[in-house]
């Protein structure tokens, strides 16, 4: 069997979506639709889960940092 024939008829590994409401690529009617669904699901999951907080918690300074701030404020 040639390699190109195997590549054309091989199965596409798909994963079930981890978030509710996303379509399941295993239920796709064609291989192209399964690949597109999987790529779209991955992009949506990355956008929703991949958000990072830009700021730390406010007013959570240790004693040493508070002392440095106080020295800076009161210095001439």
PDB file of N, CA and C in Angstrom:
ATOM      1  N   UNK A   1       0.850  -1.169   0.000  1.00  0.00           N
ATOM      2  CA  UNK A   1       0.000   0.000   0.000  1.00  0.00           C
ATOM      3  C   UNK A   1       0.901   1.239   0.000  1.00  0.00           C
ATOM      4  N   UNK A   2       0.531   2.191  -0.820  1.00  0.00           N
ATOM      5  CA  UNK A   2       1.347   3.399  -0.894  1.00  0.00           C
ATOM      6  C   UNK A   2       1.036   4.331   0.275  1.00  0.00           C
ATOM      7  N   UNK A   3       2.003   5.158   0.573  1.00  0.00           N
ATOM      8  CA  UNK A   3       1.868   6.089   1.691  1.00  0.00           C
ATOM      9  C   UNK A   3       0.769   7.117   1.434  1.00  0.00           C
ATOM     10  N   UNK A   4       0.652   7.599   0.217  1.00  0.00           N
ATOM     11  CA  UNK A   4      -0.370   8.611  -0.076  1.00  0.00           C
ATOM     12  C   UNK A   4      -1.777   8.033   0.066  1.00  0.00           C
ATOM     13  N   UNK A   5      -1.965   6.765  -0.292  1.00  0.00           N
ATOM     14  CA  UNK A   5      -3.286   6.146  -0.135  1.00  0.00           C
ATOM     15  C   UNK A   5      -3.622   6.008   1.348  1.00  0.00           C
ATOM     16  N   UNK A   6      -2.638   5.642   2.165  1.00  0.00           N
ATOM     17  CA  UNK A   6      -2.880   5.513   3.606  1.00  0.00           C
ATOM     18  C   UNK A   6      -3.223   6.866   4.218  1.00  0.00           C
ATOM     19  N   UNK A   7      -2.533   7.907   3.778  1.00  0.00           N
ATOM     20  CA  UNK A   7      -2.803   9.233   4.312  1.00  0.00           C
ATOM     21  C   UNK A   7      -4.204   9.716   3.949  1.00  0.00           C
ATOM     22  N   UNK A   8      -4.670   9.375   2.770  1.00  0.00           N
ATOM     23  CA  UNK A   8      -5.997   9.811   2.342  1.00  0.00           C
ATOM     24  C   UNK A   8      -7.113   9.050   3.041  1.00  0.00           C
ATOM     25  N   UNK A   9      -6.871   7.812   3.419  1.00  0.00           N
ATOM     26  CA  UNK A   9      -7.938   7.006   4.019  1.00  0.00           C
ATOM     27  C   UNK A   9      -7.783   6.827   5.517  1.00  0.00           C
ATOM     28  N   UNK A  10      -6.733   7.379   6.108  1.00  0.00           N
ATOM     29  CA  UNK A  10      -6.521   7.232   7.544  1.00  0.00           C
ATOM     30  C   UNK A  10      -7.566   7.998   8.340  1.00  0.00           C
ATOM     31  N   UNK A  11      -7.787   7.568   9.569  1.00  0.00           N
ATOM     32  CA  UNK A  11      -8.762   8.252  10.407  1.00  0.00           C
ATOM     33  C   UNK A  11      -8.135   9.485  11.040  1.00  0.00           C
ATOM     34  N   UNK A  12      -8.949  10.439  11.308  1.00  0.00           N
ATOM     35  CA  UNK A  12      -8.496  11.683  11.916  1.00  0.00           C
ATOM     36  C   UNK A  12      -8.748  11.596  13.413  1.00  0.00           C
ATOM     37  N   UNK A  13      -7.698  11.711  14.228  1.00  0.00           N
ATOM     38  CA  UNK A  13      -7.928  11.662  15.673  1.00  0.00           C
ATOM     39  C   UNK A  13      -8.609  12.947  16.150  1.00  0.00           C
ATOM     40  N   UNK A  14      -9.749  12.792  16.777  1.00  0.00           N
ATOM     41  CA  UNK A  14     -10.475  13.947  17.301  1.00  0.00           C
ATOM     42  C   UNK A  14     -10.700  13.748  18.784  1.00  0.00           C
ATOM     43  N   UNK A  15     -10.900  14.860  19.467  1.00  0.00           N
ATOM     44  CA  UNK A  15     -11.170  14.826  20.900  1.00  0.00           C
ATOM     45  C   UNK A  15     -12.553  15.389  21.144  1.00  0.00           C
ATOM     46  N   UNK A  16     -13.184  14.885  22.162  1.00  0.00           N
ATOM     47  CA  UNK A  16     -14.462  15.465  22.555  1.00  0.00           C
ATOM     48  C   UNK A  16     -14.198  16.822  23.183  1.00  0.00           C
ATOM     49  N   UNK A  17     -15.089  17.783  22.988  1.00  0.00           N
ATOM     50  CA  UNK A  17     -14.866  19.109  23.575  1.00  0.00           C
ATOM     51  C   UNK A  17     -14.948  19.062  25.096  1.00  0.00           C
ATOM     52  N   UNK A  18     -14.120  19.859  25.749  1.00  0.00           N
ATOM     53  CA  UNK A  18     -14.114  19.888  27.211  1.00  0.00           C
ATOM     54  C   UNK A  18     -15.114  20.886  27.758  1.00  0.00           C
ATOM     55  N   UNK A  19     -15.604  21.779  26.919  1.00  0.00           N
ATOM     56  CA  UNK A  19     -16.582  22.772  27.352  1.00  0.00           C
ATOM     57  C   UNK A  19     -17.961  22.399  26.820  1.00  0.00           C
ATOM     58  N   UNK A  20     -18.975  22.674  27.610  1.00  0.00           N
ATOM     59  CA  UNK A  20     -20.343  22.393  27.187  1.00  0.00           C
ATOM     60  C   UNK A  20     -20.749  23.360  26.078  1.00  0.00           C
ATOM     61  N   UNK A  21     -21.529  22.873  25.143  1.00  0.00           N
ATOM     62  CA  UNK A  21     -22.046  23.720  24.084  1.00  0.00           C
ATOM     63  C   UNK A  21     -21.250  23.682  22.794  1.00  0.00           C
ATOM     64  N   UNK A  22     -20.057  23.107  22.814  1.00  0.00           N
ATOM     65  CA  UNK A  22     -19.263  23.015  21.594  1.00  0.00           C
ATOM     66  C   UNK A  22     -19.628  21.736  20.844  1.00  0.00           C
ATOM     67  N   UNK A  23     -19.633  21.772  19.511  1.00  0.00           N
ATOM     68  CA  UNK A  23     -19.995  20.579  18.741  1.00  0.00           C
ATOM     69  C   UNK A  23     -18.921  19.496  18.833  1.00  0.00           C
ATOM     70  N   UNK A  24     -19.359  18.241  18.757  1.00  0.00           N
ATOM     71  CA  UNK A  24     -18.444  17.106  18.838  1.00  0.00           C
ATOM     72  C   UNK A  24     -17.922  16.778  17.440  1.00  0.00           C
ATOM     73  N   UNK A  25     -16.607  16.810  17.220  1.00  0.00           N
ATOM     74  CA  UNK A  25     -16.070  16.517  15.894  1.00  0.00           C
ATOM     75  C   UNK A  25     -16.277  15.064  15.468  1.00  0.00           C
ATOM     76  N   UNK A  26     -16.483  14.165  16.410  1.00  0.00           N
ATOM     77  CA  UNK A  26     -16.697  12.760  16.059  1.00  0.00           C
ATOM     78  C   UNK A  26     -18.027  12.555  15.338  1.00  0.00           C
ATOM     79  N   UNK A  27     -18.941  13.486  15.482  1.00  0.00           N
ATOM     80  CA  UNK A  27     -20.252  13.373  14.840  1.00  0.00           C
ATOM     81  C   UNK A  27     -20.301  14.086  13.493  1.00  0.00           C
ATOM     82  N   UNK A  28     -19.160  14.521  12.999  1.00  0.00           N
ATOM     83  CA  UNK A  28     -19.106  15.233  11.719  1.00  0.00           C
ATOM     84  C   UNK A  28     -19.380  14.264  10.576  1.00  0.00           C
ATOM     85  N   UNK A  29     -19.910  14.795   9.486  1.00  0.00           N
ATOM     86  CA  UNK A  29     -20.262  13.962   8.340  1.00  0.00           C
ATOM     87  C   UNK A  29     -19.074  13.674   7.433  1.00  0.00           C
ATOM     88  N   UNK A  30     -18.074  14.549   7.438  1.00  0.00           N
ATOM     89  CA  UNK A  30     -16.903  14.332   6.591  1.00  0.00           C
ATOM     90  C   UNK A  30     -15.630  14.595   7.389  1.00  0.00           C
ATOM     91  N   UNK A  31     -14.511  14.172   6.815  1.00  0.00           N
ATOM     92  CA  UNK A  31     -13.227  14.364   7.479  1.00  0.00           C
ATOM     93  C   UNK A  31     -12.880  15.850   7.544  1.00  0.00           C
ATOM     94  N   UNK A  32     -13.196  16.573   6.485  1.00  0.00           N
ATOM     95  CA  UNK A  32     -12.922  18.013   6.465  1.00  0.00           C
ATOM     96  C   UNK A  32     -13.720  18.728   7.544  1.00  0.00           C
ATOM     97  N   UNK A  33     -14.981  18.365   7.671  1.00  0.00           N
ATOM     98  CA  UNK A  33     -15.825  18.976   8.698  1.00  0.00           C
ATOM     99  C   UNK A  33     -15.309  18.647  10.097  1.00  0.00           C
ATOM    100  N   UNK A  34     -14.812  17.424  10.293  1.00  0.00           N
ATOM    101  CA  UNK A  34     -14.268  17.037  11.597  1.00  0.00           C
ATOM    102  C   UNK A  34     -13.027  17.862  11.933  1.00  0.00           C
ATOM    103  N   UNK A  35     -12.153  18.058  10.942  1.00  0.00           N
ATOM    104  CA  UNK A  35     -10.946  18.858  11.167  1.00  0.00           C
ATOM    105  C   UNK A  35     -11.283  20.314  11.468  1.00  0.00           C
ATOM    106  N   UNK A  36     -12.225  20.872  10.732  1.00  0.00           N
ATOM    107  CA  UNK A  36     -12.621  22.260  10.962  1.00  0.00           C
ATOM    108  C   UNK A  36     -13.285  22.426  12.324  1.00  0.00           C
ATOM    109  N   UNK A  37     -14.117  21.466  12.701  1.00  0.00           N
ATOM    110  CA  UNK A  37     -14.784  21.529  14.001  1.00  0.00           C
ATOM    111  C   UNK A  37     -13.768  21.435  15.127  1.00  0.00           C
ATOM    112  N   UNK A  38     -12.792  20.538  14.984  1.00  0.00           N
ATOM    113  CA  UNK A  38     -11.762  20.381  16.010  1.00  0.00           C
ATOM    114  C   UNK A  38     -10.930  21.652  16.136  1.00  0.00           C
ATOM    115  N   UNK A  39     -10.563  22.246  15.014  1.00  0.00           N
ATOM    116  CA  UNK A  39      -9.771  23.479  15.045  1.00  0.00           C
ATOM    117  C   UNK A  39     -10.559  24.623  15.680  1.00  0.00           C
ATOM    118  N   UNK A  40     -11.837  24.723  15.350  1.00  0.00           N
ATOM    119  CA  UNK A  40     -12.672  25.776  15.935  1.00  0.00           C
ATOM    120  C   UNK A  40     -12.838  25.561  17.433  1.00  0.00           C
ATOM    121  N   UNK A  41     -13.057  24.317  17.852  1.00  0.00           N
ATOM    122  CA  UNK A  41     -13.188  24.023  19.285  1.00  0.00           C
ATOM    123  C   UNK A  41     -11.908  24.376  20.037  1.00  0.00           C
ATOM    124  N   UNK A  42     -10.758  24.038  19.458  1.00  0.00           N
ATOM    125  CA  UNK A  42      -9.479  24.365  20.100  1.00  0.00           C
ATOM    126  C   UNK A  42      -9.309  25.874  20.247  1.00  0.00           C
ATOM    127  N   UNK A  43      -9.684  26.619  19.210  1.00  0.00           N
ATOM    128  CA  UNK A  43      -9.545  28.078  19.261  1.00  0.00           C
ATOM    129  C   UNK A  43     -10.464  28.687  20.317  1.00  0.00           C
ATOM    130  N   UNK A  44     -11.700  28.195  20.402  1.00  0.00           N
ATOM    131  CA  UNK A  44     -12.643  28.720  21.397  1.00  0.00           C
ATOM    132  C   UNK A  44     -12.159  28.398  22.803  1.00  0.00           C
ATOM    133  N   UNK A  45     -11.713  27.176  23.034  1.00  0.00           N
ATOM    134  CA  UNK A  45     -11.232  26.792  24.362  1.00  0.00           C
ATOM    135  C   UNK A  45     -10.013  27.616  24.763  1.00  0.00           C
ATOM    136  N   UNK A  46      -9.121  27.889  23.816  1.00  0.00           N
ATOM    137  CA  UNK A  46      -7.932  28.688  24.122  1.00  0.00           C
ATOM    138  C   UNK A  46      -8.312  30.123  24.468  1.00  0.00           C
ATOM    139  N   UNK A  47      -9.288  30.676  23.758  1.00  0.00           N
ATOM    140  CA  UNK A  47      -9.717  32.053  24.033  1.00  0.00           C
ATOM    141  C   UNK A  47     -10.380  32.166  25.400  1.00  0.00           C
ATOM    142  N   UNK A  48     -11.198  31.187  25.757  1.00  0.00           N
ATOM    143  CA  UNK A  48     -11.945  31.268  27.011  1.00  0.00           C
ATOM    144  C   UNK A  48     -11.064  30.916  28.200  1.00  0.00           C
ATOM    145  N   UNK A  49     -10.311  29.845  28.088  1.00  0.00           N
ATOM    146  CA  UNK A  49      -9.515  29.365  29.213  1.00  0.00           C
ATOM    147  C   UNK A  49      -8.194  30.124  29.310  1.00  0.00           C
ATOM    148  N   UNK A  50      -7.650  30.580  28.201  1.00  0.00           N
ATOM    149  CA  UNK A  50      -6.323  31.168  28.176  1.00  0.00           C
ATOM    150  C   UNK A  50      -6.235  32.601  28.652  1.00  0.00           C
ATOM    151  N   UNK A  51      -7.287  33.164  29.170  1.00  0.00           N
ATOM    152  CA  UNK A  51      -7.219  34.547  29.634  1.00  0.00           C
ATOM    153  C   UNK A  51      -6.398  34.634  30.903  1.00  0.00           C
ATOM    154  N   UNK A  52      -5.534  35.622  30.938  1.00  0.00           N
ATOM    155  CA  UNK A  52      -4.673  35.809  32.099  1.00  0.00           C
ATOM    156  C   UNK A  52      -5.055  37.102  32.793  1.00  0.00           C
ATOM    157  N   UNK A  53      -4.876  37.122  34.096  1.00  0.00           N
ATOM    158  CA  UNK A  53      -5.117  38.349  34.842  1.00  0.00           C
ATOM    159  C   UNK A  53      -3.950  39.286  34.616  1.00  0.00           C
ATOM    160  N   UNK A  54      -4.253  40.546  34.385  1.00  0.00           N
ATOM    161  CA  UNK A  54      -3.196  41.509  34.125  1.00  0.00           C
ATOM    162  C   UNK A  54      -2.640  42.092  35.409  1.00  0.00           C
ATOM    163  N   UNK A  55      -3.428  42.141  36.447  1.00  0.00           N
ATOM    164  CA  UNK A  55      -3.004  42.760  37.695  1.00  0.00           C
ATOM    165  C   UNK A  55      -3.028  41.732  38.815  1.00  0.00           C
ATOM    166  N   UNK A  56      -2.171  41.943  39.770  1.00  0.00           N
ATOM    167  CA  UNK A  56      -2.217  41.125  40.970  1.00  0.00           C
ATOM    168  C   UNK A  56      -3.301  41.645  41.895  1.00  0.00           C
ATOM    169  N   UNK A  57      -3.381  41.079  43.041  1.00  0.00           N
ATOM    170  CA  UNK A  57      -4.368  41.540  44.008  1.00  0.00           C
ATOM    171  C   UNK A  57      -3.930  42.889  44.554  1.00  0.00           C
ATOM    172  N   UNK A  58      -4.888  43.776  44.739  1.00  0.00           N
ATOM    173  CA  UNK A  58      -4.583  45.095  45.265  1.00  0.00           C
ATOM    174  C   UNK A  58      -4.403  45.027  46.773  1.00  0.00           C
ATOM    175  N   UNK A  59      -3.566  45.918  47.295  1.00  0.00           N
ATOM    176  CA  UNK A  59      -3.326  46.057  48.735  1.00  0.00           C
ATOM    177  C   UNK A  59      -2.833  44.761  49.365  1.00  0.00           C
ATOM    178  N   UNK A  60      -1.981  44.055  48.659  1.00  0.00           N
ATOM    179  CA  UNK A  60      -1.417  42.829  49.219  1.00  0.00           C
ATOM    180  C   UNK A  60       0.101  42.973  49.335  1.00  0.00           C
ATOM    181  N   UNK A  61       0.531  44.047  50.003  1.00  0.00           N
ATOM    182  CA  UNK A  61       1.952  44.301  50.169  1.00  0.00           C
ATOM    183  C   UNK A  61       2.465  43.635  51.441  1.00  0.00           C
ATOM    184  N   UNK A  62       3.682  43.115  51.362  1.00  0.00           N
ATOM    185  CA  UNK A  62       4.306  42.564  52.561  1.00  0.00           C
ATOM    186  C   UNK A  62       4.842  43.732  53.400  1.00  0.00           C
ATOM    187  N   UNK A  63       5.245  43.445  54.617  1.00  0.00           N
ATOM    188  CA  UNK A  63       5.709  44.494  55.532  1.00  0.00           C
ATOM    189  C   UNK A  63       6.932  45.236  54.989  1.00  0.00           C
ATOM    190  N   UNK A  64       7.842  44.520  54.362  1.00  0.00           N
ATOM    191  CA  UNK A  64       9.046  45.148  53.824  1.00  0.00           C
ATOM    192  C   UNK A  64       8.700  46.143  52.712  1.00  0.00           C
ATOM    193  N   UNK A  65       7.786  45.772  51.842  1.00  0.00           N
ATOM    194  CA  UNK A  65       7.379  46.660  50.757  1.00  0.00           C
ATOM    195  C   UNK A  65       6.664  47.891  51.295  1.00  0.00           C
ATOM    196  N   UNK A  66       5.833  47.713  52.292  1.00  0.00           N
ATOM    197  CA  UNK A  66       5.152  48.858  52.905  1.00  0.00           C
ATOM    198  C   UNK A  66       6.155  49.828  53.521  1.00  0.00           C
ATOM    199  N   UNK A  67       7.196  49.298  54.142  1.00  0.00           N
ATOM    200  CA  UNK A  67       8.226  50.155  54.730  1.00  0.00           C
ATOM    201  C   UNK A  67       8.961  50.943  53.645  1.00  0.00           C
ATOM    202  N   UNK A  68       9.264  50.311  52.516  1.00  0.00           N
ATOM    203  CA  UNK A  68       9.928  51.006  51.417  1.00  0.00           C
ATOM    204  C   UNK A  68       9.043  52.117  50.860  1.00  0.00           C
ATOM    205  N   UNK A  69       7.761  51.857  50.742  1.00  0.00           N
ATOM    206  CA  UNK A  69       6.827  52.872  50.248  1.00  0.00           C
ATOM    207  C   UNK A  69       6.769  54.046  51.215  1.00  0.00           C
ATOM    208  N   UNK A  70       6.704  53.756  52.497  1.00  0.00           N
ATOM    209  CA  UNK A  70       6.637  54.817  53.506  1.00  0.00           C
ATOM    210  C   UNK A  70       7.906  55.664  53.487  1.00  0.00           C
ATOM    211  N   UNK A  71       9.071  55.024  53.338  1.00  0.00           N
ATOM    212  CA  UNK A  71      10.323  55.775  53.284  1.00  0.00           C
ATOM    213  C   UNK A  71      10.364  56.677  52.048  1.00  0.00           C
ATOM    214  N   UNK A  72       9.860  56.185  50.940  1.00  0.00           N
ATOM    215  CA  UNK A  72       9.851  56.964  49.708  1.00  0.00           C
ATOM    216  C   UNK A  72       8.906  58.163  49.827  1.00  0.00           C
ATOM    217  N   UNK A  73       7.758  57.978  50.442  1.00  0.00           N
ATOM    218  CA  UNK A  73       6.774  59.052  50.582  1.00  0.00           C
ATOM    219  C   UNK A  73       7.299  60.156  51.476  1.00  0.00           C
ATOM    220  N   UNK A  74       7.942  59.797  52.573  1.00  0.00           N
ATOM    221  CA  UNK A  74       8.379  60.790  53.553  1.00  0.00           C
ATOM    222  C   UNK A  74       9.788  61.312  53.314  1.00  0.00           C
ATOM    223  N   UNK A  75      10.473  60.867  52.285  1.00  0.00           N
ATOM    224  CA  UNK A  75      11.827  61.374  52.038  1.00  0.00           C
ATOM    225  C   UNK A  75      11.747  62.759  51.388  1.00  0.00           C
ATOM    226  N   UNK A  76      12.678  63.658  51.738  1.00  0.00           N
ATOM    227  CA  UNK A  76      12.639  65.030  51.192  1.00  0.00           C
ATOM    228  C   UNK A  76      13.098  65.103  49.764  1.00  0.00           C
TER     229      UNK A  76
END
